[in-house]
Amino acid sequence: MENYFDLTGQVAVVTGASSGLGVQYAKALANQGAQIALIARREEKLKAVKEEIESSYDTTVRYYPLDLTEFDKIQGVVDQIEKDFGKIDILVNNAGIARGYLSKDFPQEDWLAMINTNLNAVFFMAQSVGNVMIKNKYGRVINIGSVHSNVSIPYGRLSAYVTTKFGVRGLTIALAQEWAQYNITVNAIGPAYFKSEMTEKLLDNENFKGAVDAICPMKRIGNPGELNTTLLYFASKHSSYTTGQLITVDGGWTTV
């Protein structure tokens, strides 16, 4: 029986890989045989993730400390990854931040930080890795959008986040169209709420819990591992006719 998710011999780059969902994505890819390049700002956490993955899976893991908002450094890191591994087959564009204010009070500094991290860095990372994939005539780009790539929420305070995640959806569609000729697919995952370092405080908020209970048909947040099969589908060589898509993994949130 063929394992349609087998990634043996492939090289995957995961951004935002020092904690939370980025670690889960890296583990899911490693579990299917991919070699992993981890990117994030915090070197000590990256080192710990590398050691954890290599102790659990028979694969090679390297890490590359990088603040993705330092756009002029992205190309150098991508060049080093290509040198170290020889190629890049998969990019998981996962790094992101969330800062919540009412729109009338949103500080300019925080708005720009959101745009730079959640959208501009996603583009520049895709651009640099995409050029490697174009050269090799193969690639799987997986952008991490959100349930908020489709909808907002009555809880509010998410104007910048919603804007960036709608932008990720648009970027995914545009790149898919441009890069289809090179045998590169570009898709996005739209998670609803999962426990992570970024969402910890929000998930403890009683108003937010009420919003989840009212809006999500499953009346809960996502569980660990519930994003993995979507990730692996987009990463698979067998998903070669699927591009420009966003799959929301949201407990039915966007059906309401």
Protein backbone atom coordinates (compact mmCIF):
# COMPACT_ATOMS: atom_id res chain seq x y z
CA MET A 1 0.00 0.00 0.00
CA GLU A 2 1.36 3.40 -0.96
CA ASN A 3 1.81 6.04 1.71
CA TYR A 4 0.45 9.12 -0.03
CA PHE A 5 1.97 11.33 2.67
CA ASP A 6 5.51 9.94 2.34
CA LEU A 7 8.05 12.79 2.26
CA THR A 8 11.26 10.75 2.41
CA GLY A 9 14.14 12.63 0.81
CA GLN A 10 12.33 15.95 0.74
CA VAL A 11 13.46 19.15 2.47
CA ALA A 12 10.96 21.27 4.37
CA VAL A 13 11.45 24.79 5.71
CA VAL A 14 9.21 25.79 8.63
CA THR A 15 9.10 29.37 9.90
CA GLY A 16 7.90 30.30 13.36
CA ALA A 17 9.28 26.92 14.37
CA SER A 18 10.42 27.59 17.93
CA SER A 19 7.04 27.04 19.60
CA GLY A 20 3.36 26.27 19.17
CA LEU A 21 1.94 25.17 15.86
CA GLY A 22 5.28 25.60 14.09
CA VAL A 23 6.73 22.80 16.22
CA GLN A 24 3.72 20.60 15.48
CA TYR A 25 4.10 21.21 11.73
CA ALA A 26 7.80 20.38 11.84
CA LYS A 27 7.13 17.15 13.74
CA ALA A 28 4.38 16.10 11.33
CA LEU A 29 6.69 16.59 8.35
CA ALA A 30 9.58 14.80 10.08
CA ASN A 31 7.27 11.91 10.93
CA GLN A 32 6.80 11.37 7.19
CA GLY A 33 10.53 11.41 6.49
CA ALA A 34 11.21 15.03 5.53
CA GLN A 35 14.45 16.74 6.48
CA ILE A 36 13.65 19.93 8.40
CA ALA A 37 15.05 23.47 8.38
CA LEU A 38 13.70 25.42 11.35
CA ILE A 39 13.50 29.22 11.30
CA ALA A 40 12.57 31.50 14.20
CA ARG A 41 14.00 34.34 16.29
CA ARG A 42 14.86 32.45 19.49
CA GLU A 43 17.97 30.32 19.05
CA GLU A 44 17.77 28.44 22.34
CA LYS A 45 14.22 27.32 21.62
CA LEU A 46 15.18 26.32 18.07
CA LYS A 47 18.02 24.21 19.43
CA ALA A 48 15.64 22.45 21.82
CA VAL A 49 13.13 21.75 19.03
CA LYS A 50 15.91 20.37 16.80
CA GLU A 51 17.05 18.01 19.54
CA GLU A 52 13.49 16.92 20.31
CA ILE A 53 12.69 16.11 16.66
CA GLU A 54 15.98 14.31 16.02
CA SER A 55 15.48 12.19 19.14
CA SER A 56 12.03 11.12 17.94
CA TYR A 57 12.45 10.75 14.17
CA ASP A 58 15.15 9.37 11.90
CA THR A 59 15.83 12.57 10.00
CA THR A 60 18.15 15.57 9.75
CA VAL A 61 17.19 18.87 11.37
CA ARG A 62 19.03 22.20 11.20
CA TYR A 63 18.01 25.55 12.63
CA TYR A 64 18.52 29.12 11.44
CA PRO A 65 17.89 32.03 13.83
CA LEU A 66 16.18 34.85 11.95
CA ASP A 67 13.81 37.72 12.62
CA LEU A 68 11.73 37.56 9.45
CA THR A 69 10.94 41.27 9.62
CA GLU A 70 14.61 41.89 8.81
CA PHE A 71 13.74 41.33 5.18
CA ASP A 72 17.25 41.90 3.87
CA LYS A 73 18.48 38.83 5.80
CA ILE A 74 15.96 36.36 4.41
CA GLN A 75 17.80 35.66 1.17
CA GLY A 76 21.04 34.85 2.97
CA VAL A 77 19.32 32.30 5.21
CA VAL A 78 17.52 30.69 2.27
CA ASP A 79 20.84 30.49 0.38
CA GLN A 80 22.40 28.77 3.40
CA ILE A 81 19.54 26.27 3.65
CA GLU A 82 19.89 25.43 -0.02
CA LYS A 83 23.65 24.99 0.46
CA ASP A 84 23.18 22.78 3.52
CA PHE A 85 20.43 20.55 2.10
CA GLY A 86 20.92 20.89 -1.66
CA LYS A 87 17.31 21.89 -2.36
CA ILE A 88 14.03 23.04 -0.81
CA ASP A 89 10.83 21.12 -1.61
CA ILE A 90 8.36 22.44 0.97
CA LEU A 91 7.87 25.81 2.65
CA VAL A 92 5.55 26.20 5.64
CA ASN A 93 5.10 29.95 6.04
CA ASN A 94 3.92 29.85 9.64
CA ALA A 95 5.49 32.77 11.54
CA GLY A 96 2.99 35.29 12.82
CA ILE A 97 1.99 37.57 15.69
CA ALA A 98 -1.28 38.87 17.12
CA ARG A 99 -1.86 42.24 18.79
CA GLY A 100 -5.38 43.26 19.64
CA TYR A 101 -6.81 46.77 19.92
CA LEU A 102 -10.05 48.40 18.94
CA SER A 103 -9.53 49.92 15.51
CA LYS A 104 -10.09 53.46 16.79
CA ASP A 105 -7.19 53.01 19.21
CA PHE A 106 -4.81 50.84 17.18
CA PRO A 107 -1.21 52.15 17.61
CA GLN A 108 0.60 52.68 14.34
CA GLU A 109 3.66 50.81 15.57
CA ASP A 110 1.64 47.69 16.37
CA TRP A 111 -0.32 47.85 13.12
CA LEU A 112 2.90 47.99 11.09
CA ALA A 113 4.44 45.17 13.13
CA MET A 114 1.45 42.98 12.27
CA ILE A 115 1.61 43.80 8.57
CA ASN A 116 5.38 43.23 8.44
CA THR A 117 5.32 39.89 10.28
CA ASN A 118 2.07 38.35 9.06
CA LEU A 119 2.08 39.49 5.45
CA ASN A 120 5.27 41.15 4.21
CA ALA A 121 7.54 38.48 5.70
CA VAL A 122 5.30 35.77 4.24
CA PHE A 123 5.77 37.26 0.78
CA PHE A 124 9.52 37.78 1.01
CA MET A 125 10.05 34.28 2.41
CA ALA A 126 7.92 32.79 -0.37
CA GLN A 127 9.79 34.87 -2.95
CA SER A 128 13.23 33.65 -1.84
CA VAL A 129 12.24 30.01 -1.46
CA GLY A 130 10.10 30.19 -4.59
CA ASN A 131 13.14 31.06 -6.67
CA VAL A 132 14.82 27.85 -5.48
CA MET A 133 11.69 25.88 -6.35
CA ILE A 134 11.38 27.56 -9.76
CA LYS A 135 14.94 26.51 -10.53
CA ASN A 136 14.14 22.93 -9.53
CA LYS A 137 10.70 22.90 -11.22
CA TYR A 138 9.05 21.57 -8.07
CA GLY A 139 7.65 22.95 -4.84
CA ARG A 140 4.93 22.97 -2.22
CA VAL A 141 4.31 26.34 -0.56
CA ILE A 142 1.94 26.18 2.42
CA ASN A 143 0.97 29.53 3.89
CA ILE A 144 -0.67 29.61 7.29
CA GLY A 145 -3.74 31.78 7.08
CA SER A 146 -6.55 31.61 9.59
CA VAL A 147 -10.26 31.17 10.02
CA HIS A 148 -9.92 34.97 9.87
CA SER A 149 -8.85 34.69 6.24
CA ASN A 150 -12.62 34.36 5.69
CA VAL A 151 -14.43 35.96 8.62
CA SER A 152 -13.98 38.28 11.58
CA ILE A 153 -15.46 37.73 15.05
CA PRO A 154 -17.84 39.73 17.29
CA TYR A 155 -15.21 39.70 20.04
CA GLY A 156 -13.41 42.41 18.06
CA ARG A 157 -9.89 43.81 18.45
CA LEU A 158 -8.73 41.86 15.41
CA SER A 159 -8.72 44.43 12.61
CA ALA A 160 -4.99 44.07 11.88
CA TYR A 161 -5.02 40.30 12.24
CA VAL A 162 -8.02 39.88 9.95
CA THR A 163 -6.44 42.25 7.41
CA THR A 164 -3.17 40.31 7.33
CA LYS A 165 -4.83 36.92 7.10
CA PHE A 166 -7.11 38.03 4.25
CA GLY A 167 -3.87 39.24 2.65
CA VAL A 168 -2.30 35.80 3.06
CA ARG A 169 -5.28 34.28 1.28
CA GLY A 170 -4.94 36.75 -1.60
CA LEU A 171 -1.20 36.21 -1.82
CA THR A 172 -1.76 32.45 -1.93
CA ILE A 173 -4.11 32.80 -4.89
CA ALA A 174 -1.77 35.16 -6.76
CA LEU A 175 1.34 33.02 -6.27
CA ALA A 176 -0.54 29.85 -7.20
CA GLN A 177 -1.47 31.39 -10.52
CA GLU A 178 2.06 32.64 -11.24
CA TRP A 179 3.93 29.51 -10.21
CA ALA A 180 1.67 26.76 -11.57
CA GLN A 181 3.81 26.68 -14.71
CA TYR A 182 6.81 25.63 -12.60
CA ASN A 183 5.11 22.62 -10.96
CA ILE A 184 4.78 24.59 -7.71
CA THR A 185 1.55 24.51 -5.75
CA VAL A 186 0.69 27.29 -3.31
CA ASN A 187 -2.04 26.65 -0.76
CA ALA A 188 -3.06 27.86 2.68
CA ILE A 189 -4.37 26.38 5.90
CA GLY A 190 -6.91 28.40 7.87
CA PRO A 191 -6.89 27.22 11.49
CA ALA A 192 -9.48 28.40 13.94
CA TYR A 193 -8.20 28.64 17.51
CA PHE A 194 -5.60 26.20 18.80
CA LYS A 195 -3.66 26.42 22.05
CA SER A 196 -0.25 28.01 21.53
CA GLU A 197 2.09 30.53 23.06
CA MET A 198 0.40 33.25 20.98
CA THR A 199 -3.20 32.39 21.92
CA GLU A 200 -2.77 31.40 25.58
CA LYS A 201 -4.09 34.62 27.12
CA LEU A 202 -6.93 34.97 24.64
CA LEU A 203 -8.19 31.44 25.24
CA ASP A 204 -8.51 32.19 28.97
CA ASN A 205 -10.72 35.24 28.32
CA GLU A 206 -14.34 34.61 29.31
CA ASN A 207 -15.74 36.82 26.54
CA PHE A 208 -13.74 34.89 23.99
CA LYS A 209 -14.87 31.55 25.39
CA GLY A 210 -18.44 32.77 25.01
CA ALA A 211 -17.79 33.73 21.39
CA VAL A 212 -16.39 30.26 20.60
CA ASP A 213 -19.38 28.61 22.25
CA ALA A 214 -21.79 30.81 20.27
CA ILE A 215 -20.11 30.66 16.85
CA CYS A 216 -18.29 27.34 16.52
CA PRO A 217 -20.67 24.39 15.87
CA MET A 218 -18.26 22.03 17.67
CA LYS A 219 -18.17 24.49 20.59
CA ARG A 220 -14.47 24.01 21.22
CA ILE A 221 -11.01 25.03 20.08
CA GLY A 222 -8.82 22.71 18.01
CA ASN A 223 -6.91 19.82 19.52
CA PRO A 224 -3.21 19.07 18.97
CA GLY A 225 -2.69 17.18 15.72
CA GLU A 226 -5.94 18.22 14.05
CA LEU A 227 -4.03 20.33 11.49
CA ASN A 228 -1.53 17.65 10.54
CA THR A 229 -3.43 15.84 7.79
CA THR A 230 -4.25 19.10 6.02
CA LEU A 231 -0.60 20.09 6.18
CA LEU A 232 0.55 16.74 4.85
CA TYR A 233 -2.02 16.77 2.06
CA PHE A 234 -0.70 20.10 0.79
CA ALA A 235 2.90 18.90 1.22
CA SER A 236 2.36 15.66 -0.67
CA LYS A 237 3.55 15.16 -4.24
CA HIS A 238 0.12 13.64 -4.87
CA SER A 239 -1.67 16.97 -4.30
CA SER A 240 -0.23 18.16 -7.63
CA TYR A 241 -3.56 19.42 -9.04
CA THR A 242 -4.57 21.39 -5.96
CA THR A 243 -3.36 24.97 -5.85
CA GLY A 244 -4.58 28.39 -4.76
CA GLN A 245 -6.81 26.89 -2.08
CA LEU A 246 -7.40 27.71 1.57
CA ILE A 247 -8.76 24.91 3.75
CA THR A 248 -10.20 26.10 7.04
CA VAL A 249 -9.76 23.68 9.94
CA ASP A 250 -12.27 25.32 12.21
CA GLY A 251 -14.85 22.97 13.71
CA GLY A 252 -17.44 24.35 11.32
CA TRP A 253 -16.86 27.99 12.28
CA THR A 254 -17.15 29.29 8.70
CA THR A 255 -20.41 27.42 8.09
CA VAL A 256 -22.27 29.78 10.42
